[in-house]
Amino acid sequence: MGIGDWGLGPIPNPQSPIPNPQSPIPNKHFPKLIIIKIKIILINFDNIKNKQINIWIKLFKMVKYYFLFLILFSSINMSSSNEEISDKKLNDRKSILSQKLKELFPEDEPGAACIIMQNEEIIFEEYFGLSFLPNGPKIDKDTTFNIASVSKQFTAVGILQLVEEGRLSLDERMSLLFPEYTDPIWVKIKLKHLLSHSSGIPDERGYLPREKRIYGDDNLALEYLSKLDHLDFEPGSYYEYMNPTYVLLGRLIERISQKPFTEYMQEKIFNQAGMNQTYYIGNEKNKCHAYEYDRDKGRGEEPSGNRTEGPHDWYEYDYGEETFFGTRPDGGIFTTPRDFIKWELNRPKLLKEELLNEAYTPHIQVYGSPYSDYQNRKDTYYGYGWFIEPKKNCIYHTGDNGGFKILASRYPKKNAFVLVFAARTDWDRYELKSQIEQLYSLLD
């Protein structure tokens, strides 16, 4: 490309004489024209460059949005796929557990209920069998069960509420709270020992005739304490599961609150938790009866749970058949499974976190205690109203009262809760608990 092509004028004739440097430039505007032309060239170049850059930017954006679309589309597909897989797993688990429970609790026999909750949502809920034999209605969401010793956690929370209010202390001595008990042993026993089954107080109600114990109430359960002059061990040193000491805690609630025990619990516990289908024995509604599958009515107090030997039949086994079935603070609550879920969800509203954590803290080792077999297994401790298995991240309680057999088990790290209410004794509670834990991966 020549200079002429750049628009700077004609090329001088080589034969023309070379101008004298001292001579004036023929075109005095020539330098300005050069500068203007150069600017025009640069501007054009910049425009070209900017257009190219804009094209590349637009292209980049198109590619970026394309890949974002692909990623979003893929994530939606993956999310949908994961949800389908998750739903399938949940349905498979439901199917497996439902079949297992149907085998344990046939539809024409004494029944049961099971609820599993995770992340505060019910993921399994089924009801089985009859509320009473031979032709009673089927168990459903409104059927109330006696929850037996699971009632103890309600009494424990009632006591801890009074501690929170400053009206009681966990280190308070029983000799001050019950001055009518004059033997020196009561000086050794503190409130926390009663809550954790580590008081050393023995159960000496066996001296009473069985006929009297069958209809025994709270007063009869505590009758022997006024004459008690010995302990099984130093308070706080061992675990010994003890029902009368929780009846004594109920009496303490009455004494401090100046209200009947059931009235205090209704007002401060059941009403506050929204439990409108929960009652103490004597006021229960829509209840089912409990049964034992046994040889005859002359059986001993301990349920056999044996369905393999000789001719057996179902016998009612609740109030009027089981001793001290009618005591309240240690085992007298009737409730529905759904009402119990309200208790599980709303308990933090009833008590400060610090005291709830105190209740869930291991205070005495259960495993290896020579004084009690109840729940005496490895890595098991008792808090205040709850058993604790730290290695399994499990806080639970069981209940046994006549033919009622109960499991209420929570798994804090999994934010999960398992509830089984049964009106019969012929099933292995701990085996079912372990199967549910594995099926729903509650111990990982």
Protein backbone atom coordinates (compact mmCIF):
# COMPACT_ATOMS: atom_id res chain seq x y z
CA MET A 1 0.00 0.00 0.00
CA GLY A 2 1.39 3.37 -1.05
CA ILE A 3 1.21 6.68 0.65
CA GLY A 4 -1.39 7.74 -1.87
CA ASP A 5 -3.58 4.93 -0.72
CA TRP A 6 -3.57 6.46 2.74
CA GLY A 7 -5.10 9.65 1.28
CA LEU A 8 -2.02 11.87 1.63
CA GLY A 9 -1.90 13.21 -1.96
CA PRO A 10 -0.07 12.16 -5.11
CA ILE A 11 3.39 10.63 -5.00
CA PRO A 12 6.00 13.15 -6.21
CA ASN A 13 7.57 12.51 -9.58
CA PRO A 14 11.04 11.05 -9.05
CA GLN A 15 12.31 13.28 -11.90
CA SER A 16 11.11 16.42 -10.22
CA PRO A 17 13.76 18.43 -8.48
CA ILE A 18 14.07 17.74 -4.76
CA PRO A 19 12.92 20.77 -2.84
CA ASN A 20 15.43 22.72 -0.90
CA PRO A 21 15.01 22.08 2.77
CA GLN A 22 15.20 25.79 3.31
CA SER A 23 12.45 26.38 0.78
CA PRO A 24 8.89 26.79 2.11
CA ILE A 25 6.68 23.62 2.09
CA PRO A 26 4.42 23.81 -0.91
CA ASN A 27 1.31 22.86 1.21
CA LYS A 28 1.41 24.58 4.54
CA HIS A 29 -1.49 22.41 5.91
CA PHE A 30 0.28 19.16 5.12
CA PRO A 31 1.35 18.31 8.75
CA LYS A 32 -2.12 18.98 10.10
CA LEU A 33 -3.62 16.75 7.44
CA ILE A 34 -1.23 13.95 8.42
CA ILE A 35 -2.19 14.25 12.08
CA ILE A 36 -5.93 14.32 11.26
CA LYS A 37 -5.60 11.27 9.03
CA ILE A 38 -3.66 9.39 11.71
CA LYS A 39 -6.39 10.19 14.26
CA ILE A 40 -9.07 8.97 11.86
CA ILE A 41 -7.13 5.75 11.36
CA LEU A 42 -6.77 5.24 15.09
CA ILE A 43 -10.44 5.98 15.70
CA ASN A 44 -11.43 3.51 13.01
CA PHE A 45 -9.08 0.96 14.51
CA ASP A 46 -10.56 1.50 17.98
CA ASN A 47 -14.05 1.13 16.58
CA ILE A 48 -13.08 -2.09 14.91
CA LYS A 49 -11.40 -3.28 18.05
CA ASN A 50 -14.39 -2.33 20.24
CA LYS A 51 -16.77 -4.10 17.87
CA GLN A 52 -14.62 -7.20 18.02
CA ILE A 53 -14.44 -7.01 21.80
CA ASN A 54 -18.20 -6.55 22.02
CA ILE A 55 -18.68 -9.56 19.79
CA TRP A 56 -16.41 -11.64 22.03
CA ILE A 57 -18.20 -10.40 25.16
CA LYS A 58 -21.57 -11.31 23.66
CA LEU A 59 -20.23 -14.68 22.62
CA PHE A 60 -18.80 -15.28 26.10
CA LYS A 61 -22.09 -14.36 27.69
CA MET A 62 -23.97 -16.72 25.39
CA VAL A 63 -21.59 -19.55 26.26
CA LYS A 64 -21.78 -18.70 29.96
CA TYR A 65 -25.59 -18.69 29.97
CA TYR A 66 -25.64 -21.88 27.95
CA PHE A 67 -23.48 -23.67 30.52
CA LEU A 68 -25.45 -22.15 33.39
CA PHE A 69 -28.59 -23.48 31.78
CA LEU A 70 -27.00 -26.90 31.41
CA ILE A 71 -25.91 -26.88 35.05
CA LEU A 72 -29.34 -25.75 36.23
CA PHE A 73 -31.11 -28.29 34.06
CA SER A 74 -28.77 -31.03 35.28
CA SER A 75 -29.22 -30.02 38.93
CA ILE A 76 -33.00 -30.04 38.52
CA ASN A 77 -32.80 -33.50 37.01
CA MET A 78 -30.40 -34.65 39.72
CA SER A 79 -32.57 -33.11 42.44
CA SER A 80 -35.64 -34.76 40.99
CA SER A 81 -33.76 -38.02 40.68
CA ASN A 82 -32.46 -37.75 44.27
CA GLU A 83 -35.95 -37.00 45.52
CA GLU A 84 -37.27 -40.02 43.67
CA ILE A 85 -34.52 -42.18 45.16
CA SER A 86 -35.17 -40.71 48.62
CA ASP A 87 -38.92 -41.28 48.29
CA LYS A 88 -38.33 -44.83 47.11
CA LYS A 89 -36.03 -45.55 50.07
CA LEU A 90 -38.57 -44.09 52.47
CA ASN A 91 -41.38 -46.14 50.93
CA ASP A 92 -39.24 -49.27 51.04
CA ARG A 93 -38.51 -48.65 54.72
CA LYS A 94 -42.18 -48.06 55.43
CA SER A 95 -43.11 -51.28 53.68
CA ILE A 96 -40.52 -53.33 55.56
CA LEU A 97 -41.45 -51.89 58.96
CA SER A 98 -45.18 -52.14 58.31
CA GLN A 99 -44.86 -55.82 57.44
CA LYS A 100 -42.78 -56.46 60.57
CA LEU A 101 -45.34 -54.75 62.80
CA LYS A 102 -48.25 -56.58 61.18
CA GLU A 103 -46.53 -59.85 62.05
CA LEU A 104 -46.04 -58.75 65.65
CA PHE A 105 -49.52 -57.26 66.08
CA PRO A 106 -52.16 -59.12 63.98
CA GLU A 107 -55.41 -57.29 63.26
CA ASP A 108 -57.65 -59.55 65.40
CA GLU A 109 -55.44 -59.48 68.52
CA PRO A 110 -54.44 -56.86 71.13
CA GLY A 111 -52.90 -54.03 69.22
CA ALA A 112 -50.23 -51.38 69.01
CA ALA A 113 -49.26 -48.09 67.41
CA CYS A 114 -46.00 -46.86 65.94
CA ILE A 115 -44.88 -43.37 64.95
CA ILE A 116 -41.49 -42.30 63.61
CA MET A 117 -40.68 -38.63 63.37
CA GLN A 118 -37.67 -36.95 61.77
CA ASN A 119 -36.93 -33.25 61.44
CA GLU A 120 -40.21 -32.61 63.25
CA GLU A 121 -42.21 -34.38 60.54
CA ILE A 122 -43.97 -37.73 60.92
CA ILE A 123 -42.49 -40.13 58.36
CA PHE A 124 -44.23 -43.30 59.60
CA GLU A 125 -47.54 -43.75 61.40
CA GLU A 126 -49.56 -46.94 61.60
CA TYR A 127 -52.02 -48.60 63.98
CA PHE A 128 -52.61 -52.30 64.51
CA GLY A 129 -55.03 -54.68 66.17
CA LEU A 130 -57.94 -54.22 68.55
CA SER A 131 -58.39 -51.91 71.52
CA PHE A 132 -60.01 -54.71 73.52
CA LEU A 133 -61.01 -58.33 72.98
CA PRO A 134 -62.85 -60.07 71.51
CA ASN A 135 -64.62 -57.58 69.25
CA GLY A 136 -63.44 -54.15 70.32
CA PRO A 137 -62.87 -51.32 67.86
CA LYS A 138 -59.60 -51.12 66.01
CA ILE A 139 -56.84 -49.09 67.55
CA ASP A 140 -56.54 -45.68 65.89
CA LYS A 141 -55.08 -42.23 66.41
CA ASP A 142 -57.55 -41.46 69.23
CA THR A 143 -56.88 -44.60 71.29
CA THR A 144 -55.19 -43.93 74.62
CA PHE A 145 -52.56 -46.29 76.03
CA ASN A 146 -51.14 -46.45 79.50
CA ILE A 147 -47.51 -45.41 78.96
CA ALA A 148 -46.35 -46.95 82.25
CA SER A 149 -42.89 -45.83 83.39
CA VAL A 150 -42.52 -43.41 80.48
CA SER A 151 -44.77 -41.30 82.77
CA LYS A 152 -41.71 -40.68 84.95
CA GLN A 153 -40.25 -38.11 82.56
CA PHE A 154 -43.37 -35.97 83.02
CA THR A 155 -42.93 -36.07 86.80
CA ALA A 156 -39.24 -35.24 86.40
CA VAL A 157 -40.03 -32.17 84.27
CA GLY A 158 -42.60 -31.09 86.88
CA ILE A 159 -39.89 -31.20 89.55
CA LEU A 160 -37.39 -29.38 87.32
CA GLN A 161 -39.92 -26.62 86.70
CA LEU A 162 -39.99 -26.00 90.46
CA VAL A 163 -36.18 -26.02 90.45
CA GLU A 164 -36.21 -23.42 87.67
CA GLU A 165 -38.53 -21.24 89.73
CA GLY A 166 -36.13 -21.43 92.68
CA ARG A 167 -38.60 -23.30 94.85
CA LEU A 168 -36.46 -26.43 94.96
CA SER A 169 -32.78 -27.32 94.64
CA LEU A 170 -31.38 -30.52 93.14
CA ASP A 171 -29.03 -30.77 96.14
CA GLU A 172 -31.79 -30.28 98.68
CA ARG A 173 -31.90 -33.01 101.32
CA MET A 174 -34.99 -35.13 101.81
CA SER A 175 -34.84 -34.65 105.58
CA LEU A 176 -35.72 -30.97 105.01
CA LEU A 177 -38.39 -31.63 102.39
CA PHE A 178 -40.03 -34.46 104.35
CA PRO A 179 -39.37 -33.73 108.04
CA GLU A 180 -41.86 -36.46 109.00
CA TYR A 181 -39.22 -38.98 107.89
CA THR A 182 -37.03 -38.81 110.96
CA ASP A 183 -34.49 -41.57 110.43
CA PRO A 184 -30.92 -40.27 109.76
CA ILE A 185 -30.86 -42.00 106.36
CA TRP A 186 -32.98 -39.17 104.93
CA VAL A 187 -30.22 -36.65 105.61
CA LYS A 188 -28.03 -38.47 103.07
CA ILE A 189 -30.59 -38.50 100.28
CA LYS A 190 -30.83 -35.51 97.93
CA LEU A 191 -33.49 -34.60 95.42
CA LYS A 192 -31.19 -35.48 92.50
CA HIS A 193 -30.83 -39.02 93.86
CA LEU A 194 -34.57 -39.62 93.62
CA LEU A 195 -34.63 -38.32 90.03
CA SER A 196 -31.74 -40.59 88.95
CA HIS A 197 -32.78 -43.83 90.73
CA SER A 198 -29.65 -43.65 92.87
CA SER A 199 -31.13 -42.93 96.32
CA GLY A 200 -30.51 -46.37 97.81
CA ILE A 201 -34.12 -46.53 99.03
CA PRO A 202 -35.31 -50.15 98.76
CA ASP A 203 -38.72 -51.25 97.50
CA GLU A 204 -40.35 -52.96 100.48
CA ARG A 205 -43.95 -52.97 99.31
CA GLY A 206 -43.83 -56.75 98.91
CA TYR A 207 -44.88 -57.30 102.50
CA LEU A 208 -48.41 -56.25 101.54
CA PRO A 209 -50.87 -58.96 100.41
CA ARG A 210 -51.17 -59.13 96.62
CA GLU A 211 -54.90 -58.48 96.79
CA LYS A 212 -54.16 -55.16 98.44
CA ARG A 213 -51.34 -54.26 96.06
CA ILE A 214 -53.52 -54.85 92.98
CA TYR A 215 -55.61 -51.81 93.90
CA GLY A 216 -52.78 -49.92 95.57
CA ASP A 217 -52.66 -46.15 95.17
CA ASP A 218 -50.02 -43.48 95.82
CA ASN A 219 -50.63 -43.48 99.58
CA LEU A 220 -50.21 -47.24 99.86
CA ALA A 221 -47.04 -47.13 97.72
CA LEU A 222 -45.43 -44.69 100.19
CA GLU A 223 -46.71 -46.25 103.39
CA TYR A 224 -43.51 -48.13 104.24
CA LEU A 225 -41.22 -45.10 103.94
CA SER A 226 -42.14 -43.64 107.32
CA LYS A 227 -40.64 -46.70 109.00
CA LEU A 228 -37.65 -47.13 106.71
CA ASP A 229 -34.35 -47.20 108.64
CA HIS A 230 -31.84 -48.56 106.10
CA LEU A 231 -30.64 -48.09 102.53
CA ASP A 232 -29.41 -50.58 99.96
CA PHE A 233 -26.29 -48.42 99.31
CA GLU A 234 -24.91 -44.95 99.84
CA PRO A 235 -26.95 -42.45 97.83
CA GLY A 236 -25.40 -41.60 94.47
CA SER A 237 -23.15 -44.67 94.33
CA TYR A 238 -25.34 -47.15 92.39
CA TYR A 239 -28.39 -47.37 90.16
CA GLU A 240 -31.52 -49.15 91.40
CA TYR A 241 -34.69 -48.61 89.41
CA MET A 242 -37.32 -47.62 91.94
CA ASN A 243 -41.01 -46.79 91.43
CA PRO A 244 -41.85 -45.59 94.97
CA THR A 245 -39.26 -42.80 94.80
CA TYR A 246 -41.05 -41.31 91.77
CA VAL A 247 -44.33 -41.53 93.68
CA LEU A 248 -42.52 -39.57 96.39
CA LEU A 249 -41.53 -36.95 93.80
CA GLY A 250 -45.22 -36.58 92.96
CA ARG A 251 -45.93 -35.96 96.64
CA LEU A 252 -43.16 -33.34 96.65
CA ILE A 253 -44.78 -31.51 93.71
CA GLU A 254 -47.99 -31.35 95.72
CA ARG A 255 -46.19 -30.07 98.79
CA ILE A 256 -44.26 -27.31 97.01
CA SER A 257 -46.97 -26.20 94.56
CA GLN A 258 -49.81 -26.47 97.08
CA LYS A 259 -51.88 -28.20 94.40
CA PRO A 260 -52.99 -31.80 93.87
CA PHE A 261 -50.44 -33.63 91.72
CA THR A 262 -52.80 -34.29 88.79
CA GLU A 263 -54.01 -30.67 88.81
CA TYR A 264 -50.46 -29.31 88.71
CA MET A 265 -49.51 -31.66 85.86
CA GLN A 266 -52.64 -30.79 83.89
CA GLU A 267 -52.02 -27.07 84.25
CA LYS A 268 -48.22 -26.88 83.93
CA ILE A 269 -47.48 -29.82 81.66
CA PHE A 270 -50.36 -31.18 79.59
CA ASN A 271 -52.07 -27.87 78.85
CA GLN A 272 -48.80 -26.08 78.11
CA ALA A 273 -47.75 -28.83 75.70
CA GLY A 274 -51.12 -28.84 73.93
CA MET A 275 -51.89 -32.39 75.08
CA ASN A 276 -55.69 -32.55 75.06
CA GLN A 277 -55.95 -36.36 74.98
CA THR A 278 -53.75 -37.11 77.97
CA TYR A 279 -55.04 -38.18 81.38
CA TYR A 280 -54.01 -39.83 84.62
CA ILE A 281 -55.63 -43.12 85.52
CA GLY A 282 -59.11 -42.59 86.84
CA ASN A 283 -59.91 -39.92 84.25
CA GLU A 284 -58.78 -41.69 81.09
CA LYS A 285 -60.92 -41.71 77.94
CA ASN A 286 -61.08 -43.95 74.87
CA LYS A 287 -58.56 -46.30 76.43
CA CYS A 288 -57.52 -49.70 75.21
CA HIS A 289 -57.10 -52.69 77.50
CA ALA A 290 -53.82 -54.55 77.85
CA TYR A 291 -53.37 -58.31 77.64
CA GLU A 292 -50.97 -61.12 78.26
CA TYR A 293 -50.87 -64.34 76.28
CA ASP A 294 -50.63 -66.90 79.05
CA ARG A 295 -51.72 -70.32 80.22
CA ASP A 296 -54.36 -69.31 82.76
CA LYS A 297 -55.47 -66.58 85.13
CA GLY A 298 -53.46 -68.05 87.98
CA ARG A 299 -50.13 -66.88 86.55
CA GLY A 300 -47.60 -64.98 88.61
CA GLU A 301 -47.04 -61.23 88.56
CA GLU A 302 -44.32 -61.33 85.94
CA PRO A 303 -45.63 -61.70 82.36
CA SER A 304 -44.40 -64.86 80.67
CA GLY A 305 -44.27 -63.48 77.13
CA ASN A 306 -44.21 -67.15 76.05
CA ARG A 307 -46.34 -68.18 73.10
CA THR A 308 -44.76 -71.56 72.42
CA GLU A 309 -45.61 -73.92 75.26
CA GLY A 310 -48.96 -75.54 75.97
CA PRO A 311 -52.45 -74.09 75.45
CA HIS A 312 -52.41 -70.33 75.88
CA ASP A 313 -55.02 -67.64 75.62
CA TRP A 314 -55.32 -63.86 75.98
CA TYR A 315 -56.05 -62.53 79.46
CA GLU A 316 -56.69 -58.94 80.40
CA TYR A 317 -53.72 -57.61 82.32
CA ASP A 318 -54.10 -54.02 83.56
CA TYR A 319 -55.97 -52.41 86.46
CA GLY A 320 -57.32 -55.18 88.69
CA GLU A 321 -54.71 -57.69 87.54
CA GLU A 322 -51.35 -55.90 87.93
CA THR A 323 -50.09 -54.64 91.29
CA PHE A 324 -49.91 -50.87 91.86
CA PHE A 325 -51.25 -50.26 88.37
CA GLY A 326 -53.13 -47.26 89.73
CA THR A 327 -50.22 -45.18 91.03
CA ARG A 328 -49.80 -41.95 89.08
CA PRO A 329 -46.39 -40.19 89.22
CA ASP A 330 -44.41 -43.34 88.39
CA GLY A 331 -46.64 -44.81 85.66
CA GLY A 332 -50.21 -43.57 85.58
CA ILE A 333 -50.51 -41.58 82.33
CA PHE A 334 -52.87 -42.56 79.51
CA THR A 335 -52.25 -40.78 76.20
CA THR A 336 -52.44 -41.16 72.44
CA PRO A 337 -49.36 -41.52 70.24
CA ARG A 338 -50.06 -38.17 68.58
CA ASP A 339 -50.44 -36.43 71.93
CA PHE A 340 -47.09 -37.86 72.94
CA ILE A 341 -45.59 -36.34 69.79
CA LYS A 342 -46.81 -32.96 71.07
CA TRP A 343 -44.92 -33.64 74.29
CA GLU A 344 -41.79 -34.40 72.32
CA LEU A 345 -42.08 -31.26 70.19
CA ASN A 346 -43.19 -28.80 72.88
CA ARG A 347 -41.09 -29.88 75.84
CA PRO A 348 -38.54 -27.09 75.25
CA LYS A 349 -41.36 -24.60 75.89
CA LEU A 350 -41.89 -26.03 79.38
CA LEU A 351 -38.36 -25.87 80.70
CA LYS A 352 -35.17 -23.93 80.05
CA GLU A 353 -32.57 -25.60 77.88
CA GLU A 354 -30.06 -25.79 80.74
CA LEU A 355 -32.35 -27.93 82.89
CA LEU A 356 -33.54 -30.05 79.98
CA ASN A 357 -29.92 -30.82 79.17
CA GLU A 358 -29.42 -31.71 82.82
CA ALA A 359 -32.26 -34.23 82.50
CA TYR A 360 -30.62 -35.74 79.39
CA THR A 361 -27.18 -35.94 81.04
CA PRO A 362 -25.92 -39.30 82.40
CA HIS A 363 -25.96 -39.05 86.20
CA ILE A 364 -25.58 -42.70 87.19
CA GLN A 365 -24.30 -45.75 85.35
CA VAL A 366 -26.93 -48.41 84.83
CA TYR A 367 -24.71 -51.12 83.34
CA GLY A 368 -23.18 -53.41 85.92
CA SER A 369 -25.34 -52.34 88.86
CA PRO A 370 -25.87 -55.30 91.21
CA TYR A 371 -29.14 -53.80 92.45
CA SER A 372 -31.31 -53.71 89.34
CA ASP A 373 -31.72 -55.62 86.08
CA TYR A 374 -34.04 -53.11 84.41
CA GLN A 375 -32.33 -51.80 81.22
CA ASN A 376 -29.03 -53.04 82.66
CA ARG A 377 -27.02 -53.18 79.42
CA LYS A 378 -23.74 -51.80 78.14
CA ASP A 379 -23.31 -48.05 77.67
CA THR A 380 -26.51 -47.25 79.53
CA TYR A 381 -26.95 -44.48 82.07
CA TYR A 382 -29.85 -42.72 83.75
CA GLY A 383 -30.44 -38.98 83.76
CA TYR A 384 -33.50 -37.36 85.32
CA GLY A 385 -36.44 -39.27 83.86
CA TRP A 386 -34.59 -40.70 80.85
CA PHE A 387 -32.19 -43.53 80.03
CA ILE A 388 -29.19 -42.47 77.95
CA GLU A 389 -26.96 -44.49 75.60
CA PRO A 390 -24.19 -41.98 74.71
CA LYS A 391 -22.42 -44.15 72.12
CA LYS A 392 -25.68 -44.65 70.23
CA ASN A 393 -26.70 -41.01 70.64
CA CYS A 394 -29.96 -42.30 72.10
CA ILE A 395 -32.14 -40.87 74.88
CA TYR A 396 -35.10 -43.09 75.70
CA HIS A 397 -37.43 -44.65 78.21
CA THR A 398 -39.36 -47.87 78.34
CA GLY A 399 -42.58 -48.65 80.13
CA ASP A 400 -44.09 -51.87 81.49
CA ASN A 401 -47.35 -51.88 83.41
CA GLY A 402 -49.44 -55.01 83.23
CA GLY A 403 -49.77 -55.82 79.54
CA PHE A 404 -48.76 -52.36 78.35
CA LYS A 405 -45.30 -52.31 76.81
CA ILE A 406 -43.93 -48.94 75.65
CA LEU A 407 -40.88 -47.50 73.88
CA ALA A 408 -40.13 -43.79 73.44
CA SER A 409 -36.67 -43.26 71.93
CA ARG A 410 -35.06 -40.10 70.55
CA TYR A 411 -31.86 -39.59 68.52
CA PRO A 412 -30.72 -35.94 68.82
CA LYS A 413 -28.01 -36.01 66.13
CA LYS A 414 -30.49 -37.43 63.62
CA ASN A 415 -33.31 -35.24 64.93
CA ALA A 416 -35.40 -38.40 65.01
CA PHE A 417 -37.88 -39.97 67.40
CA VAL A 418 -39.36 -43.49 67.59
CA LEU A 419 -42.55 -44.31 69.49
CA VAL A 420 -44.14 -47.73 69.99
CA PHE A 421 -47.22 -48.22 72.18
CA ALA A 422 -48.39 -51.82 72.61
CA ALA A 423 -51.16 -53.39 74.67
CA ARG A 424 -49.48 -56.78 74.87
CA THR A 425 -46.23 -58.20 76.25
CA ASP A 426 -45.26 -60.92 73.76
CA TRP A 427 -42.72 -59.01 71.65
CA ASP A 428 -39.07 -58.16 72.03
CA ARG A 429 -38.89 -54.40 72.50
CA TYR A 430 -35.14 -54.03 72.28
CA GLU A 431 -34.96 -56.18 69.15
CA LEU A 432 -37.59 -54.00 67.44
CA LYS A 433 -35.77 -50.87 68.59
CA SER A 434 -32.52 -52.14 67.05
CA GLN A 435 -34.27 -53.09 63.79
CA ILE A 436 -35.80 -49.62 63.44
CA GLU A 437 -32.45 -47.99 64.22
CA GLN A 438 -30.78 -49.96 61.43
CA LEU A 439 -33.64 -49.58 58.95
CA TYR A 440 -33.71 -45.78 59.32
CA SER A 441 -29.93 -45.37 59.86
CA LEU A 442 -30.43 -43.70 63.23
CA LEU A 443 -27.07 -44.69 64.69
CA ASP A 444 -24.74 -43.40 61.92
